[in-house]
């Protein structure tokens, strides 16, 4: 699943917020089955994207690099 989401843990080149948000959106689209949710589901969809992006940022910030 989500094979086209690229790896963001790169030496010397941190992932941008835009990259992380795009990956989170792609993930939520895949999991939910919606490309664009209905108005009734938009809040849940957008909230999930925000939560996944935030969790991804925390993960990347917490990971140690090989040199550190």
Protein backbone atom coordinates (compact mmCIF):
# COMPACT_ATOMS: atom_id res chain seq x y z
CA UNK A 1 0.00 0.00 0.00
CA UNK A 2 1.16 3.56 -0.74
CA UNK A 3 4.25 2.38 -2.56
CA UNK A 4 4.77 5.76 -4.20
CA UNK A 5 5.25 7.58 -0.89
CA UNK A 6 8.95 8.30 -0.77
CA UNK A 7 11.34 8.00 2.15
CA UNK A 8 11.83 11.30 3.95
CA UNK A 9 14.67 10.30 6.27
CA UNK A 10 17.47 11.81 4.20
CA UNK A 11 20.94 12.71 5.39
CA UNK A 12 21.43 16.48 5.39
CA UNK A 13 18.11 17.23 3.69
CA UNK A 14 15.16 17.30 6.08
CA UNK A 15 11.69 16.69 4.72
CA UNK A 16 9.66 19.81 4.10
CA UNK A 17 6.26 20.34 5.68
CA UNK A 18 4.78 20.26 2.17
CA UNK A 19 6.29 16.83 1.46
CA UNK A 20 4.98 15.46 4.73
CA UNK A 21 1.50 16.92 4.17
CA UNK A 22 1.35 15.47 0.65
CA UNK A 23 2.33 12.02 1.94
CA UNK A 24 -0.26 12.23 4.72
CA UNK A 25 -2.94 13.20 2.20
CA UNK A 26 -1.98 10.31 -0.06
CA UNK A 27 -2.11 7.90 2.87
CA UNK A 28 -5.56 9.08 4.02
CA UNK A 29 -6.88 8.88 0.47
CA UNK A 30 -5.65 5.31 0.19
CA UNK A 31 -6.99 4.20 3.57
CA UNK A 32 -10.36 5.97 3.25
CA UNK A 33 -10.97 5.19 -0.39
CA UNK A 34 -11.83 8.85 -1.03
CA UNK A 35 -9.96 11.12 -3.36
CA UNK A 36 -12.14 13.99 -2.18
CA UNK A 37 -14.50 13.25 0.70
CA UNK A 38 -18.10 14.38 0.85
CA UNK A 39 -18.91 17.47 2.87
CA UNK A 40 -20.17 15.18 5.64
CA UNK A 41 -16.78 13.43 5.84
CA UNK A 42 -14.49 16.40 5.13
CA UNK A 43 -13.78 17.25 8.78
CA UNK A 44 -12.79 13.67 9.65
CA UNK A 45 -10.70 13.36 6.47
CA UNK A 46 -8.87 16.66 6.97
CA UNK A 47 -8.33 15.93 10.65
CA UNK A 48 -6.76 12.59 9.81
CA UNK A 49 -4.42 14.24 7.30
CA UNK A 50 -3.34 16.78 9.94
CA UNK A 51 -2.81 14.09 12.60
CA UNK A 52 -0.78 11.86 10.31
CA UNK A 53 1.36 14.77 9.13
CA UNK A 54 2.04 15.80 12.74
CA UNK A 55 2.90 12.23 13.75
CA UNK A 56 5.20 11.91 10.74
CA UNK A 57 7.00 15.14 11.66
CA UNK A 58 7.45 13.97 15.27
CA UNK A 59 8.83 10.64 14.06
CA UNK A 60 11.30 12.23 11.67
CA UNK A 61 12.42 14.75 14.31
CA UNK A 62 12.94 11.98 16.88
CA UNK A 63 14.91 9.57 14.69
CA UNK A 64 18.63 9.54 15.23
CA UNK A 65 20.92 9.73 12.24
CA UNK A 66 23.84 7.38 11.83
CA UNK A 67 26.25 10.12 12.86
CA UNK A 68 24.13 11.23 15.84
